[in-house]
Amino acid sequence: MSCWTTTRCRISTSKFVPEFMHISQQVTNLWRQVTVRFYKQKNLTFKVTHLVLYCSMVSALISPKEAIRTDTIPTV
């Protein structure tokens, strides 16, 4: 939870693009690892769940509402 809050704070700063690219790379790497494991099992339920999970992660990362939230930024 604290990691996600920190990410939100970073997204709200001027480092948005580099930070987003870094997060995207991490998600992509994780996605590849999980994909290899899931598709080896040849299970349709796993594939569908996997796809839904990935779509929700991507939408959370690129959502404008998340990018401009200020309630998680600590005040000095």
Protein backbone atom coordinates (compact mmCIF):
# COMPACT_ATOMS: atom_id res chain seq x y z
CA MET A 1 0.00 0.00 0.00
CA SER A 2 2.75 2.45 0.91
CA CYS A 3 4.55 1.59 -2.32
CA TRP A 4 1.44 2.42 -4.36
CA THR A 5 0.99 5.70 -2.47
CA THR A 6 4.60 6.62 -3.21
CA THR A 7 4.03 5.82 -6.88
CA ARG A 8 1.02 8.11 -6.95
CA CYS A 9 3.08 10.93 -5.46
CA ARG A 10 5.77 10.45 -8.05
CA ILE A 11 3.23 10.36 -10.87
CA SER A 12 1.93 13.73 -9.68
CA THR A 13 5.34 15.36 -10.07
CA SER A 14 7.21 16.54 -13.15
CA LYS A 15 8.85 13.11 -13.40
CA PHE A 16 5.62 11.65 -14.73
CA VAL A 17 6.94 10.33 -18.05
CA PRO A 18 10.18 8.64 -16.86
CA GLU A 19 8.41 7.20 -13.84
CA PHE A 20 5.55 5.91 -15.96
CA MET A 21 7.98 4.31 -18.40
CA HIS A 22 9.78 2.63 -15.51
CA ILE A 23 6.51 1.28 -14.09
CA SER A 24 5.42 0.14 -17.54
CA GLN A 25 8.68 -1.77 -17.95
CA GLN A 26 8.21 -3.48 -14.59
CA VAL A 27 4.62 -4.42 -15.45
CA THR A 28 5.72 -5.74 -18.85
CA ASN A 29 8.47 -7.88 -17.31
CA LEU A 30 6.11 -9.26 -14.69
CA TRP A 31 3.49 -9.85 -17.37
CA ARG A 32 5.93 -11.93 -19.45
CA GLN A 33 6.87 -14.12 -16.49
CA VAL A 34 3.25 -14.73 -15.55
CA THR A 35 2.24 -15.30 -19.18
CA VAL A 36 4.83 -18.01 -19.67
CA ARG A 37 3.64 -19.85 -16.56
CA PHE A 38 -0.06 -19.50 -17.33
CA TYR A 39 0.09 -20.49 -20.97
CA LYS A 40 2.12 -23.59 -20.22
CA GLN A 41 -0.88 -24.81 -18.22
CA LYS A 42 -3.22 -24.57 -21.25
CA ASN A 43 -6.07 -23.48 -19.01
CA LEU A 44 -8.64 -21.06 -20.47
CA THR A 45 -9.81 -19.82 -17.07
CA PHE A 46 -6.27 -18.79 -16.16
CA LYS A 47 -5.85 -17.02 -19.50
CA VAL A 48 -9.06 -14.99 -19.10
CA THR A 49 -8.27 -14.06 -15.48
CA HIS A 50 -4.78 -13.11 -16.54
CA LEU A 51 -6.03 -10.84 -19.33
CA VAL A 52 -8.51 -9.08 -17.05
CA LEU A 53 -5.82 -8.57 -14.40
CA TYR A 54 -3.43 -7.06 -16.93
CA CYS A 55 -6.05 -4.70 -18.34
CA SER A 56 -6.93 -3.48 -14.85
CA MET A 57 -3.25 -2.88 -14.00
CA VAL A 58 -2.68 -0.89 -17.19
CA SER A 59 -5.84 1.18 -16.73
CA ALA A 60 -4.81 1.96 -13.13
CA LEU A 61 -1.42 3.16 -14.34
CA ILE A 62 -2.69 5.42 -17.11
CA SER A 63 -5.85 6.68 -15.42
CA PRO A 64 -5.92 10.52 -15.36
CA LYS A 65 -7.73 10.42 -12.01
CA GLU A 66 -4.81 8.58 -10.43
CA ALA A 67 -2.26 10.85 -12.09
CA ILE A 68 -3.71 14.07 -10.67
CA ARG A 69 -4.75 12.88 -7.21
CA THR A 70 -3.37 15.10 -4.51
CA ASP A 71 -4.87 13.57 -1.38
CA THR A 72 -1.95 11.12 -0.99
CA ILE A 73 0.76 13.77 -1.29
CA PRO A 74 2.07 14.69 2.16
CA THR A 75 1.93 18.39 2.98
CA VAL A 76 5.08 20.05 4.28
